[in-house]
Amino acid sequence: MATDASSLECRIEQLTAQMQALTERVEQLAALLDMPEAVIPATTPLQSLPRPTLQPAEPTPPAEEFPLGEPEDVSEEILTWAGRAYFLTRLSTLCFLLVVALILRTVTDNNLINTLAGSILGMSYAAVLMLFGGYKYEKKSPLAPVFSACGAVLMSTIVVETHSRFASLPLVPAYFTLMLTGMGMAFVSYRYKALLPISLGTLGMCLAGAAIDYPRPFFPYLAMVLLTANILGYFAAQLKRCSWLRWIILIVTMVMLHLWAFRLGMALLRKETPPPELAMPWFLPVLAVFAAVYLTLACLGIVRSGSERISRFDFSLPTLNAAWAFSAAFYVVNAGGMSKFLLGGIGIAAAIGHLGMTFWLADRKMPGAPGTNSFAFAGIALLALALPVATGNFVLSLPAMSVVAFFMSILSRKWQNGGVRATMYLAEIYACLALAASLQGQSPNGSDVVNIIPAGLLAVICLLHYQWCREWPPPATSTVFSRFDRHDTSAVALLLGSLASAFFMVRIIINQTLAIYFAAGDTTGIFRCSQSVLINAAAAGIMLFAFIRKNKELRNVSILVTVIGGIKVFLYDLLGTHGVPLVISVFTFGLAAALESVALGRWQQIKREPPAV
């Protein structure tokens, strides 16, 4: 070890001598640069400088004895991060602030001071912390977030406990204190461009407001607090994208207002006088205000995004707002025996307004018309809810929605927006599924001759929509289709919906025909097997048309319909019917299968034949 130490000292002396020589040479060069060119003194040449005598280097000691290049330990990195983030300083400050709050709480709990004085002291302490936090933000102190956050959380907690447990703070001052806290924190955030104060202030205001007198709050006052929280949440998103905050506020708002609607509706259904906290005359106006504010905030968020990606919250808000507000209003209107026709008319007008917003957004002349799909989705969803309420007939309203979907699809081509096109696919699919759910089985709607008209109209509209889609492919710039459906395969759902609607139309005709010419007890087996015959005939017809047009998509649809027909024949007809109807059902399936076999075989031969010279 003594030898190693002496060799290390020799190397250090050599390096020191070299550094001294280089330092002298640099000083000489610096002096030359500072003097005029005419007065350049002679300098000692570099060769004349004393050179240290180099000695042979000793062998380098092993790495474990001389660990100069070893990376830092993980604990050192953690300590470095904690130092940069002032973690321990902030943590200790938070503990001291909480100690003071707990002392005040202990003094109040032990009746050393009365409850009102303790509450005033606690809220004053929280207010001082928030003000001092703003002062610290002005000084750019790393402890500013601690004071602001602690003050906002303490204020919300003290207000809830003072009102609910000690009953020493009236309802109106409690709500106004929460609102002032949220707005004060918003002011601090905007002045110093900090997200934390407005986030905690708004979140505390929202959750504390919902907790006061739960589950029997005075809902109009609570609505005022929640409305303020939603507006502040929008402003918080302008500082930095914080969708999590807006989602929490939105969920709390919808849950509390739905609780209001539920309790009000239950009282009306029982023919009871609603209690004062439900404030029945205020419900629909407050709901309308929330719907208008949400619509405005969504529009501002979309417009502010410009050509950038729209946040999921702003994109979803119009649809969630429309569905939530209309369903809550319908529940109360229906329970109270009020005019559903008027509500449906208002809903249709609002749906048209949402669809009109798509035109305004498209007129901004931005590539792809961003934001149009958000309001198109909301408009078509609201139309689906409002049309049955206004017309009083669910099935008759479906073709009208289908026409609107077709029209919006045509506009989507002009706007080069694939999202609107995909949304209208969903609208058509919904209309067809809703028709099938209404007319299936032995329900009265399934045999009502009036429903032949909407079923037939829906079949024609969906077929025209499908043909249009095959004539005009989706825009190449569409994110939806380029990522998920490059070949627009989803448009086949329109063809399947058209076939299903046509099936239910013919099904009603068969049912009416059997009711005229046969006794009621003899039609069950005939009716079941006739549906199988209809499916098998459709499969054969589609295959024949596909063979003539050499259309692989129609061929695949025909195979799918054939599979459905086979399941219907062998799992339902064969086990549940007998006699001539069953014979005809099985025969038609075999005939369709044979025809398709010939067509598919010929298709393969044509594919293998060499082209003519």
Foldseek 3Di string as FASTA:
>chain_A
DVVVVVLVVVVVVQVVQVVVLVVVVVVLVVVQVVDDPVDRDDDDDSVPDDHDDDDDHDDDDDCVVPVPPDDDDPVVVVVVVCVVLVVVVLVVVLVVLVVVLVVLVVCDVVPVDDLLVSLVVQLVSLVVLLVVLLVCLVVVHSNSLSSLLVSLLSNLVSLQCCCPPVVNDDDVVSLVSLLVQLVSLLVSCVVNLDLRSNLSSLVSQLVSLPNRPPPQALPVSSLVSLVSSLVSVLVSVVSPNDVVSNVVSVVSNLVNLLSLLVLLLVCLLVVHDRDNSSVVVCNLVSLVVVLVVLVVSLVVQQVVCPPHDRDPCSLQSLQVSLVSSLVSVVSNCVSNVHQLLVSLVVLLVVLVVLQVVLVVQLVVVDQQSPPSLSSLLNSLNSQLVSQCSNVVDNLVSLLVSLVVLLVQLVVSVVSLHVSSVVSSLVSLLVSLVVNCVQQDDPDPNVQDLVSLVSLQSSLVSLVVSLVVCVVDPHRPPYPCCVPPNVPPLSSVSSNVSSVSSVLSSVLNVVSVVCVVPHDPVPCPLLSLLVSLLVLLVVLLVLLVVCLVVVPVSSPVVSVVSLVVSVCSLPVPNVVPHDDPSNVSSVVSSVVSVVSNVVSVVVSVVVVPDDDDD
